[in-house]
Amino acid sequence: MLGPSRERQGRAASDEAVAGCPVEETDERGRTQRATRNKDEGRGTPQGAPLSPLLANLYMRRFVLGWKQLGHESRFRARIVNYADDFVILCRGSAEQAAAAMRSMMQRLKLTVNEAKTRICKLPAESFDFLGYTIGMYWSWPQQRMVLSTRPSAKAIKRLKAKISETTRKTMTLLDVELVVERLNRMLNGWANYFCRGPVSTAYRAIDKHVENRLRQCLGGKHKHGGLRHDLYPNEYLHGALGLVQLTARPRNVPCAKA
């Protein structure tokens, strides 16, 4: 198993298309500025732009097709799974040889592999992160055994908690609580619509607790109460009267859609 990997440093397929698309960067002082670094250096794709996924898919299509045409898929019994420029190579043969072949192809395509995010992972002893999920072995209560499955990664949970904290910061006490709850609900529903596969209960409980306490703090600041004040703002009030989404009450491990 190889992955995940990222190769955003490849030469752009269309210099004209990339040149006019600015990249937003933050300097050492925390100031945001817009630049065209990819144009200046002649490398990379515009980060955050609608064109970026398209260019990444163009690069990866050449890589995936070449992988099959060169016989690497059958030679190493290795299949590529990718989303834009994030990919893993599912390998039943020699992972080391597959990794060497991958790097050779990337060099020929003038793409740069992000070595910090690329590693060989051997399942089921290890786990790896891909597209926000951690893939590994987990205990299944329905099956009463360890199974290969997915769960939201620690990084994905941390990012959501940071967004919740930002949405309930002190300056938000000036807003109507209904507006704050509406923003939180959009965020929570969107996150849970994506992270609904595998054993998600632990992640859902952690997020529910975080958003409940952050909303209590927001309400306490608004009404000049100290502390979290569970007596004034119990969970029943937050989820009932205010309508805050409760992730642990949502359906989990729903079946995937079939094309």
Protein backbone atom coordinates (compact mmCIF):
# COMPACT_ATOMS: atom_id res chain seq x y z
CA MET A 1 0.00 0.00 0.00
CA LEU A 2 1.39 3.37 -1.01
CA GLY A 3 0.01 6.69 -0.01
CA PRO A 4 -1.24 9.16 0.27
CA SER A 5 0.78 11.32 -2.09
CA ARG A 6 0.44 14.72 -3.67
CA GLU A 7 2.08 16.22 -6.76
CA ARG A 8 1.04 19.83 -7.02
CA GLN A 9 4.41 20.98 -8.36
CA GLY A 10 4.00 19.70 -11.91
CA ARG A 11 4.35 22.03 -14.90
CA ALA A 12 0.99 23.49 -15.88
CA ALA A 13 -0.69 21.99 -18.94
CA SER A 14 -1.84 25.42 -20.10
CA ASP A 15 0.33 28.40 -19.20
CA GLU A 16 -2.25 30.82 -20.58
CA ALA A 17 -5.03 29.34 -18.45
CA VAL A 18 -2.97 29.44 -15.25
CA ALA A 19 -1.30 32.78 -15.75
CA GLY A 20 -4.32 34.94 -15.05
CA CYS A 21 -5.46 33.05 -11.96
CA PRO A 22 -3.97 34.54 -8.78
CA VAL A 23 -2.94 32.50 -5.74
CA GLU A 24 -3.79 33.85 -2.29
CA GLU A 25 -0.90 33.52 0.15
CA THR A 26 -0.19 34.60 3.73
CA ASP A 27 3.17 36.23 4.46
CA GLU A 28 5.34 36.00 7.58
CA ARG A 29 3.36 38.80 9.28
CA GLY A 30 0.04 37.09 8.75
CA ARG A 31 -1.03 39.44 5.96
CA THR A 32 -2.91 38.02 2.99
CA GLN A 33 -1.73 38.86 -0.49
CA ARG A 34 -2.60 37.69 -3.97
CA ALA A 35 0.20 36.49 -6.22
CA THR A 36 0.87 34.42 -9.32
CA ARG A 37 3.70 32.27 -8.03
CA ASN A 38 2.84 29.46 -10.46
CA LYS A 39 3.31 31.91 -13.36
CA ASP A 40 6.56 33.33 -12.02
CA GLU A 41 8.12 29.92 -11.46
CA GLY A 42 6.42 28.14 -14.36
CA ARG A 43 5.31 25.34 -12.05
CA GLY A 44 2.25 24.25 -10.15
CA THR A 45 -1.49 24.82 -10.39
CA PRO A 46 -3.54 27.71 -8.94
CA GLN A 47 -4.47 26.62 -5.43
CA GLY A 48 -8.15 26.98 -4.57
CA ALA A 49 -9.14 27.91 -8.09
CA PRO A 50 -11.87 26.07 -10.06
CA LEU A 51 -9.22 25.21 -12.66
CA SER A 52 -6.93 23.45 -10.17
CA PRO A 53 -8.85 20.13 -9.90
CA LEU A 54 -9.16 19.98 -13.70
CA LEU A 55 -5.41 20.38 -14.18
CA ALA A 56 -4.71 17.84 -11.44
CA ASN A 57 -7.03 15.35 -13.15
CA LEU A 58 -5.24 15.92 -16.47
CA TYR A 59 -1.91 15.06 -14.85
CA MET A 60 -3.29 12.06 -13.03
CA ARG A 61 -5.06 10.68 -16.10
CA ARG A 62 -1.72 10.47 -17.90
CA PHE A 63 -0.21 8.76 -14.88
CA VAL A 64 -3.04 6.24 -14.42
CA LEU A 65 -3.19 5.35 -18.12
CA GLY A 66 0.61 5.05 -18.29
CA TRP A 67 0.61 2.82 -15.21
CA LYS A 68 -1.62 0.32 -17.02
CA GLN A 69 0.03 0.62 -20.44
CA LEU A 70 3.49 0.02 -19.01
CA GLY A 71 2.23 -3.15 -17.34
CA HIS A 72 2.79 -1.99 -13.76
CA GLU A 73 -0.78 -2.83 -12.74
CA SER A 74 -0.39 -6.52 -13.64
CA ARG A 75 3.33 -6.76 -12.78
CA PHE A 76 2.93 -5.50 -9.21
CA ARG A 77 -0.74 -6.45 -8.88
CA ALA A 78 -1.22 -2.78 -8.04
CA ARG A 79 -4.28 -0.62 -8.68
CA ILE A 80 -4.37 3.16 -8.38
CA VAL A 81 -7.19 4.90 -6.52
CA ASN A 82 -7.12 8.69 -6.85
CA TYR A 83 -9.16 11.81 -6.28
CA ALA A 84 -7.63 14.70 -8.25
CA ASP A 85 -3.94 14.60 -7.23
CA ASP A 86 -4.36 12.56 -4.05
CA PHE A 87 -3.83 8.86 -4.63
CA VAL A 88 -2.98 5.51 -3.13
CA ILE A 89 -1.62 2.43 -4.88
CA LEU A 90 -3.25 -0.78 -3.65
CA CYS A 91 -0.49 -3.32 -4.11
CA ARG A 92 -0.42 -7.07 -3.56
CA GLY A 93 3.07 -7.39 -5.01
CA SER A 94 6.28 -5.59 -4.02
CA ALA A 95 5.36 -2.17 -2.64
CA GLU A 96 8.99 -1.03 -2.85
CA GLN A 97 9.18 -1.82 -6.57
CA ALA A 98 5.80 -0.21 -7.18
CA ALA A 99 6.99 2.94 -5.37
CA ALA A 100 10.14 3.08 -7.50
CA ALA A 101 8.07 2.69 -10.68
CA MET A 102 5.72 5.45 -9.53
CA ARG A 103 8.58 7.88 -8.87
CA SER A 104 10.15 7.06 -12.24
CA MET A 105 6.89 7.81 -14.02
CA MET A 106 6.38 11.04 -12.07
CA GLN A 107 9.85 12.19 -13.08
CA ARG A 108 9.14 11.46 -16.74
CA LEU A 109 5.87 13.40 -16.47
CA LYS A 110 7.78 16.30 -14.84
CA LEU A 111 5.74 16.02 -11.66
CA THR A 112 7.12 16.21 -8.13
CA VAL A 113 5.99 13.75 -5.47
CA ASN A 114 5.43 15.20 -2.00
CA GLU A 115 7.71 12.84 -0.09
CA ALA A 116 6.51 14.10 3.29
CA LYS A 117 3.05 12.70 2.53
CA THR A 118 4.18 9.54 0.75
CA ARG A 119 4.94 6.28 2.55
CA ILE A 120 4.55 2.53 2.31
CA CYS A 121 1.81 1.27 4.61
CA LYS A 122 1.21 -2.41 5.24
CA LEU A 123 -2.31 -3.40 6.20
CA PRO A 124 -3.70 -4.68 8.49
CA ALA A 125 -0.85 -3.91 10.89
CA GLU A 126 -0.84 -0.18 10.01
CA SER A 127 -3.32 2.50 8.96
CA PHE A 128 -3.17 5.55 6.70
CA ASP A 129 -5.15 8.73 6.00
CA PHE A 130 -6.81 9.36 2.65
CA LEU A 131 -9.32 12.08 1.76
CA GLY A 132 -10.02 12.89 5.41
CA TYR A 133 -10.54 9.27 6.49
CA THR A 134 -8.21 7.00 8.44
CA ILE A 135 -8.26 3.55 6.87
CA GLY A 136 -7.31 0.62 9.10
CA MET A 137 -8.57 -2.19 11.30
CA TYR A 138 -11.39 -1.39 13.75
CA TRP A 139 -13.62 -3.38 16.05
CA SER A 140 -17.09 -4.04 14.62
CA TRP A 141 -19.77 -4.49 17.27
CA PRO A 142 -22.33 -5.95 14.82
CA GLN A 143 -19.81 -8.49 13.51
CA GLN A 144 -18.02 -8.94 16.86
CA ARG A 145 -14.59 -8.90 15.22
CA MET A 146 -11.91 -6.62 13.79
CA VAL A 147 -12.68 -5.42 10.26
CA LEU A 148 -10.92 -3.23 7.71
CA SER A 149 -12.87 0.02 7.71
CA THR A 150 -12.71 3.82 7.76
CA ARG A 151 -13.27 6.53 10.32
CA PRO A 152 -12.85 10.34 10.31
CA SER A 153 -9.18 11.19 10.71
CA ALA A 154 -7.90 13.09 13.74
CA LYS A 155 -6.91 15.95 11.44
CA ALA A 156 -10.43 16.17 9.98
CA ILE A 157 -11.96 16.28 13.47
CA LYS A 158 -9.48 18.94 14.58
CA ARG A 159 -10.26 21.12 11.55
CA LEU A 160 -14.00 20.95 12.22
CA LYS A 161 -13.54 21.83 15.88
CA ALA A 162 -11.46 24.84 14.86
CA LYS A 163 -14.25 26.03 12.53
CA ILE A 164 -16.82 25.57 15.30
CA SER A 165 -14.67 27.61 17.68
CA GLU A 166 -14.30 30.34 15.06
CA THR A 167 -18.07 30.45 14.49
CA THR A 168 -18.72 30.81 18.25
CA ARG A 169 -15.92 33.25 19.11
CA LYS A 170 -16.61 36.21 21.42
CA THR A 171 -17.43 38.64 18.62
CA MET A 172 -20.29 36.35 17.56
CA THR A 173 -22.19 37.15 20.79
CA LEU A 174 -23.48 40.27 19.03
CA LEU A 175 -25.39 38.11 16.54
CA ASP A 176 -28.75 36.49 17.16
CA VAL A 177 -28.25 33.00 18.57
CA GLU A 178 -30.56 31.65 15.84
CA LEU A 179 -28.12 32.85 13.18
CA VAL A 180 -25.16 31.27 14.99
CA VAL A 181 -27.02 27.95 15.31
CA GLU A 182 -27.97 28.09 11.63
CA ARG A 183 -24.31 28.48 10.66
CA LEU A 184 -23.27 25.67 12.98
CA ASN A 185 -25.96 23.37 11.59
CA ARG A 186 -24.87 23.93 7.99
CA MET A 187 -21.31 23.12 9.00
CA LEU A 188 -22.23 20.03 11.01
CA ASN A 189 -24.62 18.61 8.41
CA GLY A 190 -22.13 19.09 5.59
CA TRP A 191 -19.34 17.43 7.56
CA ALA A 192 -21.50 14.49 8.65
CA ASN A 193 -22.86 13.97 5.13
CA TYR A 194 -19.29 13.22 4.07
CA PHE A 195 -18.05 11.49 7.23
CA CYS A 196 -20.79 8.88 7.64
CA ARG A 197 -18.87 5.70 6.79
CA GLY A 198 -17.47 3.22 9.27
CA PRO A 199 -17.28 3.62 13.07
CA VAL A 200 -18.03 7.34 13.43
CA SER A 201 -19.71 7.32 16.86
CA THR A 202 -16.58 8.34 18.77
CA ALA A 203 -15.93 11.26 16.41
CA TYR A 204 -19.57 12.35 16.53
CA ARG A 205 -19.61 12.32 20.35
CA ALA A 206 -16.44 14.42 20.53
CA ILE A 207 -17.83 16.98 18.08
CA ASP A 208 -21.23 17.11 19.82
CA LYS A 209 -19.56 17.82 23.15
CA HIS A 210 -17.33 20.50 21.62
CA VAL A 211 -20.11 22.34 19.81
CA GLU A 212 -22.42 22.16 22.85
CA ASN A 213 -19.81 23.70 25.16
CA ARG A 214 -18.84 26.34 22.60
CA LEU A 215 -22.48 27.35 22.16
CA ARG A 216 -22.91 27.50 25.95
CA GLN A 217 -19.91 29.82 26.14
CA CYS A 218 -21.39 31.94 23.37
CA LEU A 219 -24.72 32.17 25.20
CA GLY A 220 -22.96 32.89 28.49
CA GLY A 221 -21.05 35.76 26.92
CA LYS A 222 -24.22 37.12 25.36
CA HIS A 223 -26.19 37.07 28.61
CA LYS A 224 -23.25 37.84 30.93
CA HIS A 225 -23.15 34.44 32.63
CA GLY A 226 -19.88 32.96 33.84
CA GLY A 227 -18.83 29.40 33.05
CA LEU A 228 -20.57 26.88 30.85
CA ARG A 229 -23.81 26.91 32.90
CA HIS A 230 -25.22 23.50 32.05
CA ASP A 231 -28.11 24.38 34.38
CA LEU A 232 -29.19 27.32 32.19
CA TYR A 233 -28.34 25.74 28.86
CA PRO A 234 -28.71 21.93 29.08
CA ASN A 235 -28.41 19.75 26.01
CA GLU A 236 -32.21 19.53 25.78
CA TYR A 237 -32.38 23.32 25.37
CA LEU A 238 -29.56 23.48 22.82
CA HIS A 239 -30.90 20.69 20.62
CA GLY A 240 -34.60 21.16 21.34
CA ALA A 241 -35.42 24.86 21.69
CA LEU A 242 -32.51 26.18 19.60
CA GLY A 243 -32.49 23.30 17.10
CA LEU A 244 -28.75 22.59 17.23
CA VAL A 245 -27.91 19.51 15.16
CA GLN A 246 -26.87 16.47 17.20
CA LEU A 247 -24.56 14.25 15.19
CA THR A 248 -25.01 11.20 17.42
CA ALA A 249 -28.72 11.24 16.55
CA ARG A 250 -28.02 11.00 12.81
CA PRO A 251 -28.02 7.75 10.78
CA ARG A 252 -24.52 6.30 10.49
CA ASN A 253 -22.65 3.93 8.20
CA VAL A 254 -25.15 4.51 5.38
CA PRO A 255 -24.64 2.52 2.15
CA CYS A 256 -22.68 4.11 -0.66
CA ALA A 257 -24.53 5.29 -3.76
CA LYS A 258 -24.11 3.07 -6.80
CA ALA A 259 -23.62 4.47 -10.26
